[in-house]
PDB file of N, CA and C in Angstrom:
ATOM      1  N   MET A   1     -89.684 -79.086 -12.987  1.00  0.00           N
ATOM      2  CA  MET A   1     -89.952 -78.000 -13.897  1.00  0.00           C
ATOM      3  C   MET A   1     -89.846 -78.539 -15.323  1.00  0.00           C
ATOM      4  N   SER A   2     -90.769 -78.118 -16.160  1.00  0.00           N
ATOM      5  CA  SER A   2     -90.774 -78.509 -17.567  1.00  0.00           C
ATOM      6  C   SER A   2     -90.467 -77.304 -18.443  1.00  0.00           C
ATOM      7  N   LEU A   3     -90.030 -77.583 -19.652  1.00  0.00           N
ATOM      8  CA  LEU A   3     -89.758 -76.551 -20.649  1.00  0.00           C
ATOM      9  C   LEU A   3     -90.726 -76.732 -21.796  1.00  0.00           C
ATOM     10  N   TRP A   4     -91.503 -75.690 -22.092  1.00  0.00           N
ATOM     11  CA  TRP A   4     -92.469 -75.673 -23.182  1.00  0.00           C
ATOM     12  C   TRP A   4     -91.995 -74.633 -24.187  1.00  0.00           C
ATOM     13  N   VAL A   5     -91.918 -75.004 -25.469  1.00  0.00           N
ATOM     14  CA  VAL A   5     -91.498 -74.082 -26.519  1.00  0.00           C
ATOM     15  C   VAL A   5     -92.647 -73.944 -27.517  1.00  0.00           C
ATOM     16  N   TYR A   6     -93.271 -72.779 -27.516  1.00  0.00           N
ATOM     17  CA  TYR A   6     -94.367 -72.482 -28.442  1.00  0.00           C
ATOM     18  C   TYR A   6     -93.784 -71.786 -29.651  1.00  0.00           C
ATOM     19  N   VAL A   7     -93.966 -72.398 -30.834  1.00  0.00           N
ATOM     20  CA  VAL A   7     -93.366 -71.858 -32.044  1.00  0.00           C
ATOM     21  C   VAL A   7     -94.435 -71.456 -33.052  1.00  0.00           C
ATOM     22  N   GLU A   8     -94.134 -70.391 -33.762  1.00  0.00           N
ATOM     23  CA  GLU A   8     -94.940 -69.999 -34.911  1.00  0.00           C
ATOM     24  C   GLU A   8     -94.563 -70.936 -36.043  1.00  0.00           C
ATOM     25  N   GLY A   9     -95.543 -71.509 -36.691  1.00  0.00           N
ATOM     26  CA  GLY A   9     -95.250 -72.372 -37.826  1.00  0.00           C
ATOM     27  C   GLY A   9     -96.054 -73.646 -37.795  1.00  0.00           C
ATOM     28  N   GLY A  10     -96.059 -74.315 -38.902  1.00  0.00           N
ATOM     29  CA  GLY A  10     -96.745 -75.585 -39.006  1.00  0.00           C
ATOM     30  C   GLY A  10     -98.096 -75.514 -39.676  1.00  0.00           C
ATOM     31  N   GLY A  11     -98.572 -74.300 -39.935  1.00  0.00           N
ATOM     32  CA  GLY A  11     -99.849 -74.164 -40.630  1.00  0.00           C
ATOM     33  C   GLY A  11    -101.003 -74.776 -39.862  1.00  0.00           C
ATOM     34  N   ASP A  12    -102.035 -75.143 -40.589  1.00  0.00           N
ATOM     35  CA  ASP A  12    -103.244 -75.683 -39.971  1.00  0.00           C
ATOM     36  C   ASP A  12    -103.413 -77.179 -40.179  1.00  0.00           C
ATOM     37  N   GLN A  13    -102.527 -77.797 -40.954  1.00  0.00           N
ATOM     38  CA  GLN A  13    -102.650 -79.231 -41.229  1.00  0.00           C
ATOM     39  C   GLN A  13    -101.801 -80.032 -40.251  1.00  0.00           C
ATOM     40  N   GLY A  14    -102.364 -81.134 -39.766  1.00  0.00           N
ATOM     41  CA  GLY A  14    -101.670 -81.964 -38.789  1.00  0.00           C
ATOM     42  C   GLY A  14    -100.321 -82.470 -39.260  1.00  0.00           C
ATOM     43  N   SER A  15    -100.222 -82.869 -40.526  1.00  0.00           N
ATOM     44  CA  SER A  15     -98.951 -83.418 -41.022  1.00  0.00           C
ATOM     45  C   SER A  15     -97.868 -82.338 -41.077  1.00  0.00           C
ATOM     46  N   VAL A  16     -98.256 -81.122 -41.398  1.00  0.00           N
ATOM     47  CA  VAL A  16     -97.280 -80.026 -41.461  1.00  0.00           C
ATOM     48  C   VAL A  16     -96.872 -79.627 -40.045  1.00  0.00           C
ATOM     49  N   LYS A  17     -97.831 -79.594 -39.120  1.00  0.00           N
ATOM     50  CA  LYS A  17     -97.499 -79.286 -37.727  1.00  0.00           C
ATOM     51  C   LYS A  17     -96.563 -80.342 -37.161  1.00  0.00           C
ATOM     52  N   SER A  18     -96.800 -81.598 -37.500  1.00  0.00           N
ATOM     53  CA  SER A  18     -95.947 -82.680 -37.029  1.00  0.00           C
ATOM     54  C   SER A  18     -94.517 -82.508 -37.539  1.00  0.00           C
ATOM     55  N   ALA A  19     -94.373 -82.167 -38.809  1.00  0.00           N
ATOM     56  CA  ALA A  19     -93.044 -81.947 -39.384  1.00  0.00           C
ATOM     57  C   ALA A  19     -92.362 -80.754 -38.729  1.00  0.00           C
ATOM     58  N   CYS A  20     -93.119 -79.709 -38.453  1.00  0.00           N
ATOM     59  CA  CYS A  20     -92.574 -78.525 -37.793  1.00  0.00           C
ATOM     60  C   CYS A  20     -92.079 -78.880 -36.389  1.00  0.00           C
ATOM     61  N   ARG A  21     -92.896 -79.593 -35.623  1.00  0.00           N
ATOM     62  CA  ARG A  21     -92.498 -80.017 -34.278  1.00  0.00           C
ATOM     63  C   ARG A  21     -91.226 -80.855 -34.326  1.00  0.00           C
ATOM     64  N   GLN A  22     -91.172 -81.789 -35.278  1.00  0.00           N
ATOM     65  CA  GLN A  22     -90.009 -82.671 -35.383  1.00  0.00           C
ATOM     66  C   GLN A  22     -88.756 -81.877 -35.722  1.00  0.00           C
ATOM     67  N   ALA A  23     -88.858 -80.925 -36.629  1.00  0.00           N
ATOM     68  CA  ALA A  23     -87.697 -80.122 -37.008  1.00  0.00           C
ATOM     69  C   ALA A  23     -87.178 -79.307 -35.822  1.00  0.00           C
ATOM     70  N   PHE A  24     -88.079 -78.661 -35.090  1.00  0.00           N
ATOM     71  CA  PHE A  24     -87.646 -77.888 -33.925  1.00  0.00           C
ATOM     72  C   PHE A  24     -87.129 -78.793 -32.817  1.00  0.00           C
ATOM     73  N   ARG A  25     -87.729 -79.965 -32.652  1.00  0.00           N
ATOM     74  CA  ARG A  25     -87.241 -80.904 -31.643  1.00  0.00           C
ATOM     75  C   ARG A  25     -85.808 -81.304 -31.949  1.00  0.00           C
ATOM     76  N   LEU A  26     -85.533 -81.645 -33.216  1.00  0.00           N
ATOM     77  CA  LEU A  26     -84.167 -82.017 -33.607  1.00  0.00           C
ATOM     78  C   LEU A  26     -83.192 -80.871 -33.388  1.00  0.00           C
ATOM     79  N   PHE A  27     -83.634 -79.660 -33.672  1.00  0.00           N
ATOM     80  CA  PHE A  27     -82.791 -78.476 -33.467  1.00  0.00           C
ATOM     81  C   PHE A  27     -82.458 -78.312 -31.983  1.00  0.00           C
ATOM     82  N   PHE A  28     -83.479 -78.329 -31.124  1.00  0.00           N
ATOM     83  CA  PHE A  28     -83.259 -78.098 -29.703  1.00  0.00           C
ATOM     84  C   PHE A  28     -82.523 -79.251 -29.032  1.00  0.00           C
ATOM     85  N   GLU A  29     -82.646 -80.476 -29.559  1.00  0.00           N
ATOM     86  CA  GLU A  29     -81.941 -81.606 -28.961  1.00  0.00           C
ATOM     87  C   GLU A  29     -80.434 -81.487 -29.100  1.00  0.00           C
ATOM     88  N   LYS A  30     -79.952 -80.572 -29.898  1.00  0.00           N
ATOM     89  CA  LYS A  30     -78.503 -80.335 -29.994  1.00  0.00           C
ATOM     90  C   LYS A  30     -77.972 -79.650 -28.742  1.00  0.00           C
ATOM     91  N   ILE A  31     -78.875 -78.981 -27.975  1.00  0.00           N
ATOM     92  CA  ILE A  31     -78.431 -78.272 -26.772  1.00  0.00           C
ATOM     93  C   ILE A  31     -79.215 -78.644 -25.514  1.00  0.00           C
ATOM     94  N   ILE A  32     -80.363 -79.287 -25.681  1.00  0.00           N
ATOM     95  CA  ILE A  32     -81.209 -79.669 -24.544  1.00  0.00           C
ATOM     96  C   ILE A  32     -81.466 -81.171 -24.642  1.00  0.00           C
ATOM     97  N   PRO A  33     -81.333 -81.906 -23.548  1.00  0.00           N
ATOM     98  CA  PRO A  33     -81.547 -83.352 -23.617  1.00  0.00           C
ATOM     99  C   PRO A  33     -82.953 -83.715 -24.123  1.00  0.00           C
ATOM    100  N   ALA A  34     -82.996 -84.757 -24.929  1.00  0.00           N
ATOM    101  CA  ALA A  34     -84.283 -85.250 -25.442  1.00  0.00           C
ATOM    102  C   ALA A  34     -85.195 -85.579 -24.269  1.00  0.00           C
ATOM    103  N   GLY A  35     -86.452 -85.236 -24.402  1.00  0.00           N
ATOM    104  CA  GLY A  35     -87.426 -85.493 -23.357  1.00  0.00           C
ATOM    105  C   GLY A  35     -87.501 -84.420 -22.289  1.00  0.00           C
ATOM    106  N   ALA A  36     -86.580 -83.453 -22.328  1.00  0.00           N
ATOM    107  CA  ALA A  36     -86.570 -82.389 -21.322  1.00  0.00           C
ATOM    108  C   ALA A  36     -87.422 -81.192 -21.723  1.00  0.00           C
ATOM    109  N   PHE A  37     -88.019 -81.242 -22.895  1.00  0.00           N
ATOM    110  CA  PHE A  37     -88.808 -80.116 -23.381  1.00  0.00           C
ATOM    111  C   PHE A  37     -89.897 -80.633 -24.310  1.00  0.00           C
ATOM    112  N   LYS A  38     -90.867 -79.771 -24.551  1.00  0.00           N
ATOM    113  CA  LYS A  38     -91.934 -80.096 -25.489  1.00  0.00           C
ATOM    114  C   LYS A  38     -92.094 -78.924 -26.449  1.00  0.00           C
ATOM    115  N   VAL A  39     -92.147 -79.222 -27.749  1.00  0.00           N
ATOM    116  CA  VAL A  39     -92.357 -78.208 -28.776  1.00  0.00           C
ATOM    117  C   VAL A  39     -93.820 -78.251 -29.192  1.00  0.00           C
ATOM    118  N   ILE A  40     -94.441 -77.078 -29.225  1.00  0.00           N
ATOM    119  CA  ILE A  40     -95.827 -76.962 -29.660  1.00  0.00           C
ATOM    120  C   ILE A  40     -95.858 -76.067 -30.887  1.00  0.00           C
ATOM    121  N   ALA A  41     -96.125 -76.653 -32.057  1.00  0.00           N
ATOM    122  CA  ALA A  41     -96.267 -75.878 -33.295  1.00  0.00           C
ATOM    123  C   ALA A  41     -97.679 -75.308 -33.304  1.00  0.00           C
ATOM    124  N   SER A  42     -97.775 -73.991 -33.317  1.00  0.00           N
ATOM    125  CA  SER A  42     -99.064 -73.339 -33.113  1.00  0.00           C
ATOM    126  C   SER A  42     -99.707 -72.800 -34.378  1.00  0.00           C
ATOM    127  N   GLY A  43     -99.064 -72.945 -35.513  1.00  0.00           N
ATOM    128  CA  GLY A  43     -99.603 -72.338 -36.727  1.00  0.00           C
ATOM    129  C   GLY A  43     -99.192 -70.883 -36.796  1.00  0.00           C
ATOM    130  N   GLY A  44    -100.149 -69.994 -36.941  1.00  0.00           N
ATOM    131  CA  GLY A  44     -99.871 -68.567 -37.087  1.00  0.00           C
ATOM    132  C   GLY A  44     -99.329 -67.914 -35.832  1.00  0.00           C
ATOM    133  N   ARG A  45     -98.752 -66.726 -36.013  1.00  0.00           N
ATOM    134  CA  ARG A  45     -98.087 -66.041 -34.913  1.00  0.00           C
ATOM    135  C   ARG A  45     -99.058 -65.637 -33.809  1.00  0.00           C
ATOM    136  N   GLN A  46    -100.260 -65.199 -34.159  1.00  0.00           N
ATOM    137  CA  GLN A  46    -101.212 -64.804 -33.114  1.00  0.00           C
ATOM    138  C   GLN A  46    -101.623 -66.008 -32.283  1.00  0.00           C
ATOM    139  N   ARG A  47    -101.844 -67.139 -32.932  1.00  0.00           N
ATOM    140  CA  ARG A  47    -102.199 -68.358 -32.190  1.00  0.00           C
ATOM    141  C   ARG A  47    -101.033 -68.793 -31.306  1.00  0.00           C
ATOM    142  N   ALA A  48     -99.788 -68.660 -31.788  1.00  0.00           N
ATOM    143  CA  ALA A  48     -98.621 -69.008 -30.979  1.00  0.00           C
ATOM    144  C   ALA A  48     -98.565 -68.131 -29.726  1.00  0.00           C
ATOM    145  N   PHE A  49     -98.803 -66.825 -29.897  1.00  0.00           N
ATOM    146  CA  PHE A  49     -98.796 -65.912 -28.759  1.00  0.00           C
ATOM    147  C   PHE A  49     -99.913 -66.255 -27.778  1.00  0.00           C
ATOM    148  N   ASP A  50    -101.110 -66.504 -28.304  1.00  0.00           N
ATOM    149  CA  ASP A  50    -102.237 -66.855 -27.439  1.00  0.00           C
ATOM    150  C   ASP A  50    -101.957 -68.143 -26.661  1.00  0.00           C
ATOM    151  N   ASN A  51    -101.414 -69.154 -27.336  1.00  0.00           N
ATOM    152  CA  ASN A  51    -101.067 -70.415 -26.670  1.00  0.00           C
ATOM    153  C   ASN A  51     -99.988 -70.204 -25.612  1.00  0.00           C
ATOM    154  N   PHE A  52     -99.003 -69.360 -25.925  1.00  0.00           N
ATOM    155  CA  PHE A  52     -97.931 -69.011 -24.990  1.00  0.00           C
ATOM    156  C   PHE A  52     -98.512 -68.391 -23.721  1.00  0.00           C
ATOM    157  N   CYS A  53     -99.423 -67.424 -23.889  1.00  0.00           N
ATOM    158  CA  CYS A  53    -100.031 -66.761 -22.729  1.00  0.00           C
ATOM    159  C   CYS A  53    -100.828 -67.744 -21.881  1.00  0.00           C
ATOM    160  N   LEU A  54    -101.576 -68.631 -22.530  1.00  0.00           N
ATOM    161  CA  LEU A  54    -102.325 -69.654 -21.787  1.00  0.00           C
ATOM    162  C   LEU A  54    -101.384 -70.585 -21.015  1.00  0.00           C
ATOM    163  N   ALA A  55    -100.279 -70.950 -21.644  1.00  0.00           N
ATOM    164  CA  ALA A  55     -99.318 -71.835 -20.985  1.00  0.00           C
ATOM    165  C   ALA A  55     -98.694 -71.166 -19.765  1.00  0.00           C
ATOM    166  N   LEU A  56     -98.456 -69.855 -19.850  1.00  0.00           N
ATOM    167  CA  LEU A  56     -97.917 -69.144 -18.685  1.00  0.00           C
ATOM    168  C   LEU A  56     -98.870 -69.238 -17.502  1.00  0.00           C
ATOM    169  N   GLU A  57    -100.156 -69.142 -17.778  1.00  0.00           N
ATOM    170  CA  GLU A  57    -101.156 -69.245 -16.714  1.00  0.00           C
ATOM    171  C   GLU A  57    -101.316 -70.678 -16.215  1.00  0.00           C
ATOM    172  N   ASN A  58    -101.293 -71.644 -17.135  1.00  0.00           N
ATOM    173  CA  ASN A  58    -101.547 -73.044 -16.784  1.00  0.00           C
ATOM    174  C   ASN A  58    -100.339 -73.774 -16.224  1.00  0.00           C
ATOM    175  N   HIS A  59     -99.144 -73.256 -16.468  1.00  0.00           N
ATOM    176  CA  HIS A  59     -97.912 -73.918 -16.013  1.00  0.00           C
ATOM    177  C   HIS A  59     -97.001 -72.907 -15.319  1.00  0.00           C
ATOM    178  N   PRO A  60     -97.455 -72.318 -14.206  1.00  0.00           N
ATOM    179  CA  PRO A  60     -96.687 -71.235 -13.587  1.00  0.00           C
ATOM    180  C   PRO A  60     -95.317 -71.644 -13.064  1.00  0.00           C
ATOM    181  N   GLY A  61     -95.100 -72.894 -12.765  1.00  0.00           N
ATOM    182  CA  GLY A  61     -93.798 -73.331 -12.272  1.00  0.00           C
ATOM    183  C   GLY A  61     -92.849 -73.786 -13.360  1.00  0.00           C
ATOM    184  N   ASP A  62     -93.306 -73.754 -14.601  1.00  0.00           N
ATOM    185  CA  ASP A  62     -92.498 -74.238 -15.719  1.00  0.00           C
ATOM    186  C   ASP A  62     -91.871 -73.073 -16.481  1.00  0.00           C
ATOM    187  N   PHE A  63     -90.917 -73.388 -17.321  1.00  0.00           N
ATOM    188  CA  PHE A  63     -90.269 -72.400 -18.173  1.00  0.00           C
ATOM    189  C   PHE A  63     -90.952 -72.462 -19.528  1.00  0.00           C
ATOM    190  N   VAL A  64     -91.554 -71.360 -19.938  1.00  0.00           N
ATOM    191  CA  VAL A  64     -92.339 -71.306 -21.165  1.00  0.00           C
ATOM    192  C   VAL A  64     -91.707 -70.299 -22.119  1.00  0.00           C
ATOM    193  N   LEU A  65     -91.423 -70.745 -23.351  1.00  0.00           N
ATOM    194  CA  LEU A  65     -90.798 -69.885 -24.360  1.00  0.00           C
ATOM    195  C   LEU A  65     -91.738 -69.660 -25.533  1.00  0.00           C
ATOM    196  N   LEU A  66     -91.601 -68.502 -26.171  1.00  0.00           N
ATOM    197  CA  LEU A  66     -92.306 -68.176 -27.401  1.00  0.00           C
ATOM    198  C   LEU A  66     -91.258 -67.910 -28.469  1.00  0.00           C
ATOM    199  N   LEU A  67     -91.403 -68.572 -29.605  1.00  0.00           N
ATOM    200  CA  LEU A  67     -90.479 -68.393 -30.713  1.00  0.00           C
ATOM    201  C   LEU A  67     -91.273 -68.005 -31.953  1.00  0.00           C
ATOM    202  N   VAL A  68     -91.177 -66.725 -32.332  1.00  0.00           N
ATOM    203  CA  VAL A  68     -91.854 -66.209 -33.523  1.00  0.00           C
ATOM    204  C   VAL A  68     -90.847 -65.418 -34.345  1.00  0.00           C
ATOM    205  N   ASP A  69     -91.130 -65.291 -35.647  1.00  0.00           N
ATOM    206  CA  ASP A  69     -90.308 -64.443 -36.511  1.00  0.00           C
ATOM    207  C   ASP A  69     -90.472 -62.998 -36.074  1.00  0.00           C
ATOM    208  N   SER A  70     -89.408 -62.212 -36.177  1.00  0.00           N
ATOM    209  CA  SER A  70     -89.538 -60.791 -35.855  1.00  0.00           C
ATOM    210  C   SER A  70     -90.317 -60.059 -36.942  1.00  0.00           C
ATOM    211  N   GLU A  71     -90.329 -60.613 -38.150  1.00  0.00           N
ATOM    212  CA  GLU A  71     -91.012 -60.048 -39.321  1.00  0.00           C
ATOM    213  C   GLU A  71     -90.367 -58.756 -39.809  1.00  0.00           C
ATOM    214  N   ASP A  72     -89.954 -57.899 -38.910  1.00  0.00           N
ATOM    215  CA  ASP A  72     -89.286 -56.628 -39.215  1.00  0.00           C
ATOM    216  C   ASP A  72     -88.027 -56.551 -38.378  1.00  0.00           C
ATOM    217  N   PRO A  73     -87.082 -55.698 -38.772  1.00  0.00           N
ATOM    218  CA  PRO A  73     -85.888 -55.534 -37.934  1.00  0.00           C
ATOM    219  C   PRO A  73     -86.249 -55.021 -36.540  1.00  0.00           C
ATOM    220  N   VAL A  74     -85.574 -55.560 -35.532  1.00  0.00           N
ATOM    221  CA  VAL A  74     -85.717 -55.062 -34.171  1.00  0.00           C
ATOM    222  C   VAL A  74     -84.647 -53.996 -33.998  1.00  0.00           C
ATOM    223  N   HIS A  75     -85.072 -52.757 -33.811  1.00  0.00           N
ATOM    224  CA  HIS A  75     -84.143 -51.643 -33.775  1.00  0.00           C
ATOM    225  C   HIS A  75     -83.300 -51.661 -32.500  1.00  0.00           C
ATOM    226  N   VAL A  76     -82.026 -51.313 -32.643  1.00  0.00           N
ATOM    227  CA  VAL A  76     -81.108 -51.248 -31.514  1.00  0.00           C
ATOM    228  C   VAL A  76     -81.690 -50.292 -30.475  1.00  0.00           C
ATOM    229  N   GLY A  77     -81.670 -50.707 -29.232  1.00  0.00           N
ATOM    230  CA  GLY A  77     -82.193 -49.889 -28.152  1.00  0.00           C
ATOM    231  C   GLY A  77     -83.632 -50.207 -27.803  1.00  0.00           C
ATOM    232  N   ASN A  78     -84.330 -50.882 -28.702  1.00  0.00           N
ATOM    233  CA  ASN A  78     -85.697 -51.312 -28.401  1.00  0.00           C
ATOM    234  C   ASN A  78     -85.653 -52.736 -27.893  1.00  0.00           C
ATOM    235  N   GLY A  79     -86.376 -53.010 -26.855  1.00  0.00           N
ATOM    236  CA  GLY A  79     -86.445 -54.368 -26.343  1.00  0.00           C
ATOM    237  C   GLY A  79     -87.372 -55.216 -27.194  1.00  0.00           C
ATOM    238  N   THR A  80     -87.301 -56.503 -26.953  1.00  0.00           N
ATOM    239  CA  THR A  80     -88.135 -57.453 -27.673  1.00  0.00           C
ATOM    240  C   THR A  80     -89.609 -57.125 -27.524  1.00  0.00           C
ATOM    241  N   TRP A  81     -90.038 -56.871 -26.294  1.00  0.00           N
ATOM    242  CA  TRP A  81     -91.461 -56.613 -26.065  1.00  0.00           C
ATOM    243  C   TRP A  81     -91.904 -55.290 -26.656  1.00  0.00           C
ATOM    244  N   ALA A  82     -91.022 -54.286 -26.694  1.00  0.00           N
ATOM    245  CA  ALA A  82     -91.370 -53.018 -27.352  1.00  0.00           C
ATOM    246  C   ALA A  82     -91.593 -53.251 -28.841  1.00  0.00           C
ATOM    247  N   HIS A  83     -90.760 -54.095 -29.443  1.00  0.00           N
ATOM    248  CA  HIS A  83     -90.920 -54.429 -30.862  1.00  0.00           C
ATOM    249  C   HIS A  83     -92.256 -55.143 -31.098  1.00  0.00           C
ATOM    250  N   LEU A  84     -92.552 -56.125 -30.256  1.00  0.00           N
ATOM    251  CA  LEU A  84     -93.793 -56.881 -30.426  1.00  0.00           C
ATOM    252  C   LEU A  84     -95.030 -56.019 -30.146  1.00  0.00           C
ATOM    253  N   LYS A  85     -94.905 -55.065 -29.243  1.00  0.00           N
ATOM    254  CA  LYS A  85     -96.018 -54.149 -28.993  1.00  0.00           C
ATOM    255  C   LYS A  85     -96.258 -53.273 -30.220  1.00  0.00           C
ATOM    256  N   ARG A  86     -95.172 -52.751 -30.790  1.00  0.00           N
ATOM    257  CA  ARG A  86     -95.292 -51.887 -31.959  1.00  0.00           C
ATOM    258  C   ARG A  86     -95.814 -52.657 -33.160  1.00  0.00           C
ATOM    259  N   ARG A  87     -95.286 -53.846 -33.386  1.00  0.00           N
ATOM    260  CA  ARG A  87     -95.632 -54.597 -34.587  1.00  0.00           C
ATOM    261  C   ARG A  87     -96.973 -55.309 -34.500  1.00  0.00           C
ATOM    262  N   ASP A  88     -97.234 -55.975 -33.358  1.00  0.00           N
ATOM    263  CA  ASP A  88     -98.409 -56.844 -33.224  1.00  0.00           C
ATOM    264  C   ASP A  88     -99.413 -56.376 -32.171  1.00  0.00           C
ATOM    265  N   ASN A  89     -99.069 -55.305 -31.476  1.00  0.00           N
ATOM    266  CA  ASN A  89     -99.882 -54.805 -30.365  1.00  0.00           C
ATOM    267  C   ASN A  89    -100.010 -55.855 -29.257  1.00  0.00           C
ATOM    268  N   TRP A  90     -98.920 -56.614 -29.043  1.00  0.00           N
ATOM    269  CA  TRP A  90     -98.890 -57.607 -27.978  1.00  0.00           C
ATOM    270  C   TRP A  90     -98.338 -56.959 -26.720  1.00  0.00           C
ATOM    271  N   ASP A  91     -99.028 -57.176 -25.618  1.00  0.00           N
ATOM    272  CA  ASP A  91     -98.528 -56.723 -24.327  1.00  0.00           C
ATOM    273  C   ASP A  91     -97.745 -57.846 -23.680  1.00  0.00           C
ATOM    274  N   ARG A  92     -96.678 -57.477 -23.022  1.00  0.00           N
ATOM    275  CA  ARG A  92     -95.900 -58.468 -22.283  1.00  0.00           C
ATOM    276  C   ARG A  92     -96.795 -59.079 -21.208  1.00  0.00           C
ATOM    277  N   PRO A  93     -96.826 -60.395 -21.102  1.00  0.00           N
ATOM    278  CA  PRO A  93     -97.668 -61.022 -20.076  1.00  0.00           C
ATOM    279  C   PRO A  93     -97.303 -60.522 -18.682  1.00  0.00           C
ATOM    280  N   ASP A  94     -98.292 -60.473 -17.829  1.00  0.00           N
ATOM    281  CA  ASP A  94     -98.140 -59.990 -16.463  1.00  0.00           C
ATOM    282  C   ASP A  94     -97.247 -60.935 -15.666  1.00  0.00           C
ATOM    283  N   LEU A  95     -96.179 -60.406 -15.115  1.00  0.00           N
ATOM    284  CA  LEU A  95     -95.265 -61.233 -14.321  1.00  0.00           C
ATOM    285  C   LEU A  95     -95.908 -61.718 -13.030  1.00  0.00           C
ATOM    286  N   VAL A  96     -96.881 -60.985 -12.518  1.00  0.00           N
ATOM    287  CA  VAL A  96     -97.519 -61.374 -11.276  1.00  0.00           C
ATOM    288  C   VAL A  96     -98.244 -62.706 -11.426  1.00  0.00           C
ATOM    289  N   CYS A  97     -98.901 -62.921 -12.606  1.00  0.00           N
ATOM    290  CA  CYS A  97     -99.629 -64.175 -12.806  1.00  0.00           C
ATOM    291  C   CYS A  97     -98.690 -65.314 -13.180  1.00  0.00           C
ATOM    292  N   CYS A  98     -97.456 -64.987 -13.474  1.00  0.00           N
ATOM    293  CA  CYS A  98     -96.527 -66.002 -13.984  1.00  0.00           C
ATOM    294  C   CYS A  98     -95.203 -65.920 -13.244  1.00  0.00           C
ATOM    295  N   PRO A  99     -95.171 -66.161 -11.913  1.00  0.00           N
ATOM    296  CA  PRO A  99     -93.946 -65.953 -11.139  1.00  0.00           C
ATOM    297  C   PRO A  99     -92.796 -66.876 -11.494  1.00  0.00           C
ATOM    298  N   GLY A 100     -93.051 -68.003 -12.130  1.00  0.00           N
ATOM    299  CA  GLY A 100     -91.981 -68.934 -12.468  1.00  0.00           C
ATOM    300  C   GLY A 100     -91.229 -68.539 -13.725  1.00  0.00           C
ATOM    301  N   ASN A 101     -91.675 -67.504 -14.416  1.00  0.00           N
ATOM    302  CA  ASN A 101     -91.084 -67.103 -15.681  1.00  0.00           C
ATOM    303  C   ASN A 101     -90.439 -65.736 -15.568  1.00  0.00           C
ATOM    304  N   THR A 102     -89.401 -65.532 -16.363  1.00  0.00           N
ATOM    305  CA  THR A 102     -88.752 -64.219 -16.429  1.00  0.00           C
ATOM    306  C   THR A 102     -88.791 -63.765 -17.877  1.00  0.00           C
ATOM    307  N   PHE A 103     -88.868 -62.479 -18.076  1.00  0.00           N
ATOM    308  CA  PHE A 103     -88.980 -61.918 -19.411  1.00  0.00           C
ATOM    309  C   PHE A 103     -87.918 -60.850 -19.610  1.00  0.00           C
ATOM    310  N   THR A 104     -87.538 -60.672 -20.866  1.00  0.00           N
ATOM    311  CA  THR A 104     -86.630 -59.590 -21.196  1.00  0.00           C
ATOM    312  C   THR A 104     -87.341 -58.613 -22.096  1.00  0.00           C
TER     313      THR A 104
END
């Protein structure tokens, strides 16, 4: 099983995306062994979400994470996906197509 971390950030330039990937890699290596995960800097939040959804379909046995700014406060009692639906009109990916992943 592999760990894929799709992050919002890095813009559209290769050098900035590279710096973003390196920064997140250094951050995650404090808790996850080096080489046990891959960080994908996706640029904007919509592209990060789209890449995340594709990865869920393409890597069903792997653990796939999405890391985006909340942009607005997440209200107590609302789940993460309810916030993202309200703010970005994102639907939680279908668990049936992605049995290796769990969502909150």
